[in-house]
Amino acid sequence: MASLLQPERVLYLVNGEKKIRSPLSHLYFCRYCSELRSLECVSHEVDSHYCPSCLENMPSAEAKLKKNRCANCFDCPCCMHTLSTRATNIPAPLPDDPAKTAMKKAYYLACGFCRWTSRDVGMADKSVASGGWQEPENPHTQRINKLIEYYQQLAQREKVDRDRKKLARRRPYMPLAFSEKYGLGTRLQRQRSGAPITSLSGLSLKEGEDQKEIKIEPAQALDEVEPLPEDCYTRPINLPEVTTLRQRLLQPDFQPAGASQLYPRHKHLLIKRSLRCRKCEHNLSKPEFNPTSIKFKIQLVAVNYIPEVRIMSIPNLRYMKESQVLLTLTNPVENVTHVTLLPCEEGDQDDLNSTAKVVVPPKELVLAGKDAAAEYDELAEPQDFQDDPDVVAFRKSNKIGFFIKVIPQGEEGEVAVSFKIRHDFRNLAAPIRPTDDGEPGSEPIWLTHHVELSLGPLAPPTQ
């Protein structure tokens, strides 16, 4: 199938905060708003942090304290693969008799991909397998911490000033009846003139922070810089000993210039995130909390609710000549779905990329419901939908193949067509209302989507 591994050739339009064209497999469907959603028009929420190597869960506060890194797992500074702990036996002097030696277990870090080891940079072996590895100290740590404390205090003061201005702006408009009802009038009269209101006095910095004001020394530019070594231009370069740009940027606090300065880095944590519709605040995707599980509690992907259009075969397309393109339409739900294809009207604001005229089938297409066991049930009777052979090429279970006619309007370039797909949808998430007969039922709603197809370049003209 032409679009099975090329999903970008069939795009659906999402009318959210931004108009986004994306493959159906990249979209979500909100069952409460009955609209398509993309990653640009949903809220992203972090559910949990975990290490991809040891799969240890970590609370958000602890992850922030550890700078979103795992304390036990390390990445190779050369090739960025995960380091493993290796054990070896080394001779060690006996405490009773230093002249004699005995074999003792020692542990070091090693990369199974590029063969880098912690011994290459002179890191001492450890007697235990976990923790306690030597880490270089950043010479600018104190300066950075002081800058962080200073700007945290500055941000807190700005927030207090904003809150104080908000309350001061509301104070003149406080109704007199409201003040007397809750006894605020007498409380305000008791205060001395010029004294702050009780609610305003609470909006101050913590006790002792006014006296303990953090001051930072401004950075000073130096007129003289450290000169280059005398053999900088004459010394031959050994490329294996020089770090790459990527290796330096992965350690921005040190930016090592030589391979002998590469130290292992703590592994970055990954997150499990949930997606929420901004319009109705319902979850569209929510994974399970356990890091070892790849399942989802909620996963409203669009391919499970919206009929999917794919390109099956494309003939040679020529300028101003009519050609038949075979498409497939798949029904992902268990109910029978009725689909109508509509051409784009002239002046349609969504129809921006079309370079050819398209003639869609005028009749309604009926798709059978999805039945996972029907493929293996040989005794099942096929349903008779009375298809028009000029429109429907084949029918198999919940999928049909149908023809559209395309007439390219450009003499060169890619051929693209657009049309509307209108189908019925039964919203099972909505509250079910009983019918007049006493049986529960759900009213179908009709949804319309804008679909764009990229059919490839024009065929060369025949001689």
Foldseek 3Di string as FASTA:
>chain_A
DVCPVPQVQKWWWFPAPDTDTDGLQQWFADLVVRGIGHPVQWDKFFDWWAFPPPQDTDDPVVCVVVVQFDQWWWAFLAPRHTKAKDKDWDWAADPVGRVDTDTAIWIWIADPPPGDTPVLLPWDTDNDRTDDTDDDDQPCVVVVVLVVVQVVVVVLVVVLVVVLVVVVVCVVVDDPVVCVVVVNVVVVVPDDPPDDDPVSVVSDDDPPPVVVRRDDDDDDDDPDDDDDDPCPPPDDDDVQQAGDPVSQVVPVSPSDGTPSPRDIDGGGIDTFIWIARPPPRHTQWAADPRSVDPHTPHHRRSPQFDKHKDWDDDDFAAAQDKDKTKIKIFGNAQAKKKKAKFADDPPPPVPDPAQKDKAADHDIDIFHGADPCPVVDPPDDDDDPPDDCQFWVDHDHRMTMGIMMIHGHDRWDWHKGKIKMKMWGFSPVDDWDADPVRHTDTDIDIDMIMMMGTRTIHDDDDD
